[in-house]
Protein backbone atom coordinates (compact mmCIF):
# COMPACT_ATOMS: atom_id res chain seq x y z
CA MET A 1 -52.28 -7.58 -2.68
CA ARG A 2 -49.64 -9.02 -0.40
CA GLY A 3 -45.99 -8.12 -1.01
CA VAL A 4 -43.55 -10.72 -2.27
CA PRO A 5 -40.77 -11.38 0.29
CA GLY A 6 -37.13 -11.03 -0.74
CA ARG A 7 -35.35 -14.26 -1.62
CA LEU A 8 -31.72 -13.16 -1.51
CA ASN A 9 -30.04 -14.74 1.51
CA PRO A 10 -26.39 -14.59 2.66
CA ASN A 11 -25.64 -18.00 1.19
CA ARG A 12 -26.17 -16.47 -2.24
CA PHE A 13 -24.21 -13.27 -1.67
CA GLY A 14 -21.31 -12.58 -4.01
CA PHE A 15 -17.83 -11.93 -2.60
CA ALA A 16 -18.07 -8.13 -2.87
CA MET A 17 -20.72 -5.43 -3.26
CA PRO A 18 -23.03 -5.30 -5.08
CA VAL A 19 -23.56 -8.87 -3.93
CA THR A 20 -25.85 -9.68 -6.84
CA ASP A 21 -23.21 -8.54 -9.34
CA PRO A 22 -19.80 -8.59 -7.61
CA PRO A 23 -17.06 -6.77 -9.54
CA PHE A 24 -14.44 -9.33 -8.46
CA ASP A 25 -14.32 -12.80 -6.96
CA HIS A 26 -12.58 -14.31 -3.96
CA PRO A 27 -8.76 -14.63 -3.77
CA PRO A 28 -6.26 -15.61 -4.98
CA TYR A 29 -5.50 -12.80 -7.45
CA TYR A 30 -2.74 -13.23 -10.01
CA TYR A 31 -0.22 -10.56 -11.02
CA ARG A 32 2.10 -11.17 -13.98
CA GLY A 33 4.97 -9.22 -15.46
CA ILE A 34 4.61 -6.32 -13.05
CA GLU A 35 7.16 -3.60 -12.33
CA VAL A 36 8.05 -2.50 -8.81
CA MET A 37 10.32 0.40 -7.89
CA GLY A 38 11.08 0.93 -4.21
CA PHE A 39 12.89 3.57 -2.18
CA ALA A 40 13.93 2.94 1.42
CA TYR A 41 15.02 5.80 3.67
CA GLN A 42 15.62 6.72 7.28
CA THR A 43 13.00 8.92 8.92
CA ASP A 44 12.11 10.24 12.37
CA ASP A 45 11.26 7.66 15.03
CA ASP A 46 8.62 9.81 16.73
CA ALA A 47 6.88 10.69 13.47
CA ALA A 48 6.83 7.01 12.46
CA ALA A 49 5.58 5.77 15.84
CA GLU A 50 2.66 8.21 15.71
CA ILE A 51 1.11 6.41 12.71
CA VAL A 52 1.99 2.80 13.59
CA PRO A 53 -0.90 0.93 15.27
CA GLU A 54 -0.55 -0.60 18.72
CA GLY A 55 0.71 -4.17 18.47
CA LEU A 56 3.38 -3.35 15.90
CA THR A 57 6.92 -2.20 16.70
CA LEU A 58 9.27 -0.20 14.54
CA ALA A 59 11.93 -2.58 13.29
CA ASP A 60 14.75 -0.01 13.20
CA SER A 61 16.03 3.12 14.87
CA PRO A 62 16.18 5.43 13.00
CA ALA A 63 12.92 4.15 11.55
CA ILE A 64 13.01 2.90 7.95
CA ALA A 65 10.20 4.04 5.67
CA GLN A 66 9.52 2.98 2.10
CA VAL A 67 7.87 4.56 -0.90
CA ILE A 68 6.97 1.90 -3.46
CA PHE A 69 5.64 2.48 -6.96
CA THR A 70 3.97 -0.41 -8.78
CA ASN A 71 3.03 -0.79 -12.44
CA PHE A 72 0.61 -3.68 -12.71
CA HIS A 73 0.52 -4.34 -16.44
CA PHE A 74 -1.72 -7.36 -15.87
CA SER A 75 -3.60 -8.79 -12.92
CA THR A 76 -6.92 -10.52 -12.37
CA LEU A 77 -7.98 -7.32 -10.57
CA GLY A 78 -7.14 -5.28 -13.66
CA ALA A 79 -4.26 -3.14 -14.91
CA TYR A 80 -3.32 -0.16 -12.76
CA THR A 81 -0.54 1.77 -11.08
CA GLU A 82 -0.07 2.39 -7.39
CA ALA A 83 2.04 4.31 -4.88
CA ILE A 84 2.55 2.97 -1.34
CA LEU A 85 3.95 4.56 1.82
CA GLY A 86 5.07 1.97 4.36
CA LEU A 87 7.23 1.41 7.43
CA ASN A 88 9.49 -1.50 8.38
CA CYS A 89 7.92 -3.01 11.50
CA LEU A 90 7.85 -6.16 13.59
CA TRP A 91 4.87 -8.29 14.51
CA GLU A 92 5.78 -10.71 17.30
CA GLY A 93 9.39 -10.53 16.11
CA GLN A 94 8.52 -11.15 12.45
CA PRO A 95 9.53 -8.47 9.91
CA VAL A 96 6.52 -6.92 8.20
CA THR A 97 5.78 -3.80 6.18
CA TYR A 98 3.00 -1.67 7.62
CA CYS A 99 1.16 0.15 4.82
CA SER A 100 -0.05 3.53 6.04
CA ASN A 101 -1.09 5.19 2.75
CA LEU A 102 -1.80 4.10 -0.83
CA LEU A 103 -2.81 5.85 -4.03
CA VAL A 104 -4.25 3.82 -6.92
CA THR A 105 -5.63 4.47 -10.40
CA ASN A 106 -8.23 1.71 -10.84
CA GLU A 107 -11.53 1.32 -8.94
CA ILE A 108 -11.32 -2.49 -8.83
CA GLY A 109 -7.74 -2.24 -7.57
CA LEU A 110 -9.05 0.16 -4.92
CA ILE A 111 -12.02 -1.81 -3.60
CA GLY A 112 -10.31 -5.17 -4.16
CA GLY A 113 -7.57 -4.11 -1.76
CA ARG A 114 -9.60 -1.92 0.59
CA GLU A 115 -12.66 -4.07 1.31
CA PRO A 116 -11.18 -7.55 1.99
CA TYR A 117 -7.70 -6.60 3.22
CA GLY A 118 -7.97 -3.06 4.60
CA PHE A 119 -5.38 -1.46 2.32
CA PRO A 120 -6.01 2.29 2.84
CA LYS A 121 -6.34 3.13 -0.84
CA LEU A 122 -7.49 6.39 -2.37
CA PHE A 123 -7.74 7.41 -6.00
CA GLY A 124 -4.78 9.37 -7.33
CA ASP A 125 -2.61 9.78 -10.41
CA VAL A 126 0.45 7.52 -10.38
CA VAL A 127 2.64 7.92 -13.46
CA TRP A 128 5.77 6.11 -14.61
CA VAL A 129 8.34 7.85 -16.82
CA LYS A 130 11.29 6.15 -18.57
CA GLU A 131 13.61 8.64 -20.17
CA HIS A 132 17.25 8.18 -21.19
CA GLU A 133 18.90 6.00 -18.51
CA ILE A 134 16.44 7.01 -15.76
CA ILE A 135 13.28 5.40 -14.41
CA SER A 136 11.00 7.74 -12.51
CA ALA A 137 7.53 7.63 -11.01
CA TYR A 138 5.38 10.16 -9.25
CA ALA A 139 2.05 10.36 -7.46
CA GLU A 140 -0.38 13.26 -7.50
CA ARG A 141 -3.64 13.93 -5.67
CA PRO A 142 -5.46 15.76 -7.10
CA LYS A 143 -3.88 15.84 -10.53
CA GLY A 144 -1.19 18.51 -10.54
CA LYS A 145 -0.59 18.35 -6.77
CA ARG A 146 2.64 16.35 -6.59
CA ILE A 147 2.75 14.22 -3.42
CA CYS A 148 5.99 12.34 -4.07
CA THR A 149 8.53 11.50 -6.77
CA GLY A 150 11.05 8.68 -7.06
CA VAL A 151 14.03 8.68 -9.42
CA LEU A 152 16.39 5.76 -10.10
CA ARG A 153 19.28 4.99 -12.43
CA PRO A 154 19.41 1.16 -12.65
CA ARG A 155 23.02 -0.01 -12.36
CA ASP A 156 23.71 -3.12 -10.24
CA ILE A 157 21.93 -6.36 -11.02
CA LEU A 158 20.17 -8.05 -8.11
CA ARG A 159 19.64 -11.72 -7.29
CA ALA A 160 16.36 -13.20 -6.12
CA GLU A 161 17.73 -13.55 -2.57
CA ASP A 162 18.48 -9.81 -2.56
CA VAL A 163 14.76 -9.03 -2.91
CA PRO A 164 12.97 -9.53 0.45
CA SER A 165 9.21 -10.17 0.53
CA PRO A 166 8.02 -9.43 4.07
CA PRO A 167 4.27 -9.77 4.70
CA LEU A 168 2.18 -6.63 4.45
CA VAL A 169 0.15 -5.43 7.44
CA THR A 170 -2.82 -3.10 7.21
CA LEU A 171 -5.19 -1.51 9.70
CA LYS A 172 -8.70 -2.36 8.50
CA VAL A 173 -11.38 -0.03 9.86
CA ILE A 174 -15.02 -0.05 8.77
CA PRO A 175 -17.02 2.68 10.53
CA SER A 176 -20.53 2.20 11.86
CA PRO A 177 -23.43 4.05 10.21
CA GLU A 178 -24.83 4.80 13.68
CA GLU A 179 -23.91 8.04 15.40
CA GLY A 180 -21.32 7.64 18.15
CA ALA A 181 -21.04 3.87 17.63
CA PRO A 182 -17.61 2.22 17.47
CA PRO A 183 -16.30 0.89 14.16
CA GLU A 184 -17.96 -2.27 12.89
CA VAL A 185 -14.46 -3.62 12.13
CA CYS A 186 -11.15 -2.55 13.65
CA GLU A 187 -8.35 -5.06 13.13
CA LEU A 188 -4.83 -5.65 11.88
CA VAL A 189 -4.62 -7.84 8.78
CA LEU A 190 -1.45 -9.64 7.70
CA THR A 191 -1.18 -10.56 4.02
CA PRO A 192 1.72 -12.80 2.94
CA LEU A 193 3.34 -11.99 -0.39
CA LYS A 194 6.09 -13.80 -2.25
CA PHE A 195 7.52 -11.84 -5.15
CA GLU A 196 8.95 -14.12 -7.83
CA LEU A 197 11.74 -12.38 -9.71
CA ILE A 198 11.35 -12.71 -13.48
CA VAL A 199 14.44 -14.25 -15.08
CA GLY A 200 15.60 -13.16 -18.51
CA SER A 201 16.68 -15.38 -21.39
CA ASP A 202 20.29 -15.09 -20.16
CA GLY A 203 19.37 -16.62 -16.80
CA ARG A 204 19.77 -13.37 -14.89
CA GLY A 205 17.04 -11.78 -12.82
CA GLU A 206 15.41 -8.61 -14.11
CA ALA A 207 16.05 -6.41 -11.08
CA PHE A 208 18.55 -3.63 -10.47
CA SER A 209 19.58 -1.25 -7.74
CA GLY A 210 21.37 2.03 -8.30
CA PRO A 211 21.56 5.70 -7.41
CA GLY A 212 18.13 7.02 -6.57
CA ASN A 213 16.07 9.06 -4.19
CA VAL A 214 12.52 9.92 -3.25
CA THR A 215 11.17 13.40 -2.49
CA PHE A 216 7.94 14.77 -1.07
CA ASP A 217 7.44 17.58 -3.50
CA SER A 218 4.76 19.71 -1.84
CA PRO A 219 3.10 19.42 1.59
CA SER A 220 -0.54 18.36 1.59
CA ALA A 221 -2.74 18.52 4.67
CA VAL A 222 -5.07 16.06 2.92
CA ASP A 223 -2.38 13.49 2.03
CA PRO A 224 0.43 14.21 4.51
CA TRP A 225 2.99 11.70 3.26
CA HIS A 226 5.64 14.34 4.04
CA ARG A 227 5.15 13.72 7.78
CA LEU A 228 7.73 10.93 7.37
CA PRO A 229 10.61 13.14 6.19
CA VAL A 230 13.58 11.77 4.29
CA ARG A 231 16.64 11.98 6.55
CA ARG A 232 18.95 9.62 4.64
CA MET A 233 18.42 7.33 1.67
CA VAL A 234 19.05 3.63 2.36
CA GLY A 235 18.47 2.09 -1.07
CA ALA A 236 16.59 2.21 -4.35
CA ALA A 237 15.73 -0.63 -6.73
CA TRP A 238 13.57 -1.61 -9.70
CA GLY A 239 12.47 -5.07 -10.83
CA ARG A 240 9.99 -7.18 -12.76
CA TYR A 241 8.03 -9.81 -10.85
CA ASN A 242 5.12 -12.21 -10.69
CA PHE A 243 3.17 -12.77 -7.51
CA VAL A 244 -0.08 -14.18 -6.17
CA LEU A 245 -2.22 -12.19 -3.72
CA PRO A 246 -3.76 -14.80 -1.37
CA TYR A 247 -6.19 -14.50 1.50
CA GLY A 248 -4.95 -12.44 4.45
CA ARG A 249 -5.10 -13.28 8.16
CA ILE A 250 -6.48 -11.22 11.05
CA ILE A 251 -3.72 -10.94 13.65
CA LYS A 252 -5.28 -8.46 16.09
CA ARG A 253 -8.76 -7.15 16.85
CA TYR A 254 -9.02 -3.87 18.72
CA GLU A 255 -11.62 -3.24 21.40
CA VAL A 256 -13.04 0.20 20.69
CA GLY A 257 -15.60 2.02 22.85
CA ARG A 258 -17.91 4.78 21.75
CA MET A 259 -16.21 7.19 19.44
CA ALA A 260 -15.02 10.55 20.70
CA GLU A 261 -15.25 13.79 18.76
CA PRO A 262 -13.30 13.74 15.48
CA VAL A 263 -9.57 14.35 15.87
CA GLU A 264 -8.49 17.49 14.08
CA ARG A 265 -5.42 17.24 11.88
CA GLU A 266 -2.58 19.60 12.54
CA ALA A 267 -2.45 22.53 10.16
CA VAL A 268 0.24 22.37 7.50
CA LEU A 269 2.00 25.69 6.99
CA VAL A 270 3.32 25.84 3.46
CA GLY A 271 6.37 28.01 3.04
CA ALA A 272 6.74 28.65 6.78
């Protein structure tokens, strides 16, 4: 008996794997009524430059890093929380935020950001706490290993023009399954975002700045967010927003030869 040839061709592939039953569809993705809490701080130029891809330039000296916590109560990629480590950079003179590390709590949020856009997401625990007059959030990986914590006391109301929305830039790398072969994909992706500040019934925006800080609670060689140390806090803010996640745009493709031996991470000495 002759075998029956496969009939599934690329024209019938879904947007994501498994292509016969994709877990999400093509952009845009809609986010409504979300909470964002961000902490900007000065860090070391050399430490920042070490993790910024070629083609981007640090926008400030001292370098400005950001830790951002998100609480996505509703989106068309699901409900989840996230923690983001980023750096203020420039791409051809345009302000952008380079996202170096992300932790996320939802598998669709993970693959929906990682596969199309290159957001370097890993599973972690990201928890929001509202107690008394304080809003706090923290990220752990694994559970119980505290990577970072942000604390804010909302005080000063913000206007929409006080909330910048620079595009996000990610380094998208898809390795080859063949030994020694270069990555199948190695490119910078720029994703434009426009956060729309939610306005309350009194006509005022629902965003506040105030006293706050972020800490890296325990060093982790696996998730070394602490390599961008906090030298001085620049600002802290919380707000409620809507936004639409559109298609991104490839802004740079890297030419990569055969891969060298794996680069060993520096050892982290805890308590040294």
